[in-house]
Amino acid sequence: MHRTTDNDQRPELELRFRGLHVTLQHVPGWLVAALATTTGSGLAAWLTSR
């Protein structure tokens, strides 16, 4: 039998900004890939424009 503890219920990511509260239980792989692609593209564009 598996008991849930407070550690099992903690969110992966929790953002609070004024009235906005965003909680992610699990970060999806597609979101990590999209952020990595966007960051890489932006960095490449910035470096090549110099």
C-alpha atoms as a PDB file:
ATOM      1  CA  MET A   1       0.000   0.000   0.000  1.00  0.00           C
ATOM      2  CA  HIS A   2       1.279   3.457  -0.920  1.00  0.00           C
ATOM      3  CA  ARG A   3       0.658   6.373   1.383  1.00  0.00           C
ATOM      4  CA  THR A   4       0.765   9.889   0.031  1.00  0.00           C
ATOM      5  CA  THR A   5       2.808  12.384   1.968  1.00  0.00           C
ATOM      6  CA  ASP A   6       3.270  16.117   1.676  1.00  0.00           C
ATOM      7  CA  ASN A   7       6.325  15.508  -0.530  1.00  0.00           C
ATOM      8  CA  ASP A   8       4.171  13.642  -3.073  1.00  0.00           C
ATOM      9  CA  GLN A   9       1.743  16.557  -3.290  1.00  0.00           C
ATOM     10  CA  ARG A  10       4.279  19.354  -3.875  1.00  0.00           C
ATOM     11  CA  PRO A  11       3.987  21.012  -7.261  1.00  0.00           C
ATOM     12  CA  GLU A  12       6.869  20.871  -9.711  1.00  0.00           C
ATOM     13  CA  LEU A  13       6.582  24.589 -10.456  1.00  0.00           C
ATOM     14  CA  GLU A  14       4.631  27.262  -8.612  1.00  0.00           C
ATOM     15  CA  LEU A  15       4.482  30.883  -9.796  1.00  0.00           C
ATOM     16  CA  ARG A  16       2.792  33.659  -7.880  1.00  0.00           C
ATOM     17  CA  PHE A  17       2.564  37.199  -9.213  1.00  0.00           C
ATOM     18  CA  ARG A  18       0.041  39.537  -7.605  1.00  0.00           C
ATOM     19  CA  GLY A  19      -3.353  37.968  -8.339  1.00  0.00           C
ATOM     20  CA  LEU A  20      -1.990  35.289 -10.686  1.00  0.00           C
ATOM     21  CA  HIS A  21      -1.178  31.851  -9.268  1.00  0.00           C
ATOM     22  CA  VAL A  22       0.055  29.138 -11.653  1.00  0.00           C
ATOM     23  CA  THR A  23       0.854  25.626 -10.448  1.00  0.00           C
ATOM     24  CA  LEU A  24       2.262  22.769 -12.531  1.00  0.00           C
ATOM     25  CA  GLN A  25       2.232  19.293 -11.045  1.00  0.00           C
ATOM     26  CA  HIS A  26       4.444  17.870 -13.806  1.00  0.00           C
ATOM     27  CA  VAL A  27       6.439  19.746 -16.435  1.00  0.00           C
ATOM     28  CA  PRO A  28       5.526  18.288 -19.842  1.00  0.00           C
ATOM     29  CA  GLY A  29       8.345  17.325 -22.175  1.00  0.00           C
ATOM     30  CA  TRP A  30       6.938  19.353 -25.047  1.00  0.00           C
ATOM     31  CA  LEU A  31       7.131  22.507 -22.909  1.00  0.00           C
ATOM     32  CA  VAL A  32      10.803  21.897 -22.084  1.00  0.00           C
ATOM     33  CA  ALA A  33      11.541  21.259 -25.776  1.00  0.00           C
ATOM     34  CA  ALA A  34       9.685  24.400 -26.867  1.00  0.00           C
ATOM     35  CA  LEU A  35      11.532  26.568 -24.337  1.00  0.00           C
ATOM     36  CA  ALA A  36      14.905  25.084 -25.331  1.00  0.00           C
ATOM     37  CA  THR A  37      14.198  25.617 -29.040  1.00  0.00           C
ATOM     38  CA  THR A  38      13.041  29.203 -28.518  1.00  0.00           C
ATOM     39  CA  THR A  39      16.043  30.028 -26.333  1.00  0.00           C
ATOM     40  CA  GLY A  40      18.475  28.471 -28.817  1.00  0.00           C
ATOM     41  CA  SER A  41      16.906  30.283 -31.771  1.00  0.00           C
ATOM     42  CA  GLY A  42      16.942  33.614 -29.959  1.00  0.00           C
ATOM     43  CA  LEU A  43      20.552  33.173 -28.888  1.00  0.00           C
ATOM     44  CA  ALA A  44      21.634  32.198 -32.416  1.00  0.00           C
ATOM     45  CA  ALA A  45      19.831  35.213 -33.908  1.00  0.00           C
ATOM     46  CA  TRP A  46      21.437  37.533 -31.366  1.00  0.00           C
ATOM     47  CA  LEU A  47      24.929  36.136 -31.906  1.00  0.00           C
ATOM     48  CA  THR A  48      24.737  36.215 -35.714  1.00  0.00           C
ATOM     49  CA  SER A  49      23.405  39.784 -35.802  1.00  0.00           C
ATOM     50  CA  ARG A  50      26.458  41.168 -34.003  1.00  0.00           C
END
